[in-house]
C-alpha cells in the first residue's frame, strides 16, 4: 500500500467513525475543516448514508485514487 492510499484510507475510516461529522473528523485527523474538504474534493471521497430519518448513519465511504497511484 502506498502512502497516499494509507492516508485516504485513514481519512475514510475516520469519516465513517464520526458518522460523517467533518468537523469532528478534522479534529481527530489534526487538520482544518478546509483541509479535510480539500482532501475529500481531491480524492472524490463520498459518504453513503442510510435513509433512516431518526439517526442517519454512514454505511460506506467511496473514493477515487489519482491515476499515478493506481
Protein backbone atom coordinates (compact mmCIF):
# COMPACT_ATOMS: atom_id res chain seq x y z
CA UNK A 1 0.00 0.00 0.00
CA UNK A 2 1.35 3.38 -0.96
CA UNK A 3 1.43 6.30 1.45
CA UNK A 4 -1.35 8.20 -0.34
CA UNK A 5 -3.59 5.09 -0.23
CA UNK A 6 -2.99 4.75 3.51
CA UNK A 7 -3.76 8.45 4.02
CA UNK A 8 -7.03 8.26 2.09
CA UNK A 9 -8.00 5.05 3.86
CA UNK A 10 -7.35 6.68 7.26
CA UNK A 11 -9.43 9.74 6.32
CA UNK A 12 -12.25 7.49 5.05
CA UNK A 13 -12.29 5.37 8.21
CA UNK A 14 -12.26 8.49 10.38
CA UNK A 15 -15.23 9.94 8.47
CA UNK A 16 -17.11 6.67 8.92
CA UNK A 17 -16.20 6.58 12.63
CA UNK A 18 -17.53 10.11 13.13
CA UNK A 19 -20.66 9.28 11.13
CA UNK A 20 -19.76 11.89 8.54
CA UNK A 21 -19.20 14.72 11.03
CA UNK A 22 -16.45 16.55 9.16
CA UNK A 23 -15.65 18.99 11.97
CA UNK A 24 -15.07 16.12 14.40
CA UNK A 25 -13.16 14.09 11.79
CA UNK A 26 -10.87 17.05 11.08
CA UNK A 27 -10.11 17.43 14.81
CA UNK A 28 -9.28 13.73 15.10
CA UNK A 29 -7.07 13.90 11.99
CA UNK A 30 -5.35 17.05 13.27
CA UNK A 31 -6.20 19.10 10.18
CA UNK A 32 -8.50 22.03 9.48
CA UNK A 33 -12.03 21.52 8.17
CA UNK A 34 -10.99 23.24 4.94
CA UNK A 35 -8.06 20.83 4.67
CA UNK A 36 -10.42 17.90 5.06
CA UNK A 37 -12.78 19.41 2.48
CA UNK A 38 -9.86 19.76 0.05
CA UNK A 39 -8.86 16.11 0.59
CA UNK A 40 -12.44 14.97 0.02
CA UNK A 41 -12.68 17.02 -3.16
CA UNK A 42 -9.27 15.98 -4.49
CA UNK A 43 -9.84 12.25 -3.98
CA UNK A 44 -13.60 12.31 -4.57
CA UNK A 45 -14.33 10.93 -1.11
CA UNK A 46 -18.08 10.43 -0.77
CA UNK A 47 -20.20 9.07 2.05
CA UNK A 48 -23.04 6.61 1.55
CA UNK A 49 -25.66 7.28 4.23
CA UNK A 50 -28.72 5.28 5.35
CA UNK A 51 -32.14 6.83 4.81
CA UNK A 52 -33.14 6.34 8.47
CA UNK A 53 -34.94 9.56 9.37
CA UNK A 54 -34.18 9.36 13.10
CA UNK A 55 -30.47 8.61 13.02
CA UNK A 56 -28.87 8.65 9.56
CA UNK A 57 -25.52 6.90 9.63
CA UNK A 58 -22.62 6.40 7.26
CA UNK A 59 -22.58 2.86 5.91
CA UNK A 60 -19.76 3.19 3.40
CA UNK A 61 -17.13 5.59 2.11
CA UNK A 62 -16.01 5.66 -1.53
CA UNK A 63 -13.00 7.38 -3.03
CA UNK A 64 -11.01 7.59 -6.24
CA UNK A 65 -7.22 7.36 -6.43
CA UNK A 66 -5.25 9.52 -8.86
CA UNK A 67 -4.07 7.70 -11.98
CA UNK A 68 -0.39 7.72 -10.97
CA UNK A 69 -1.23 5.80 -7.75
CA UNK A 70 -3.32 3.01 -9.34
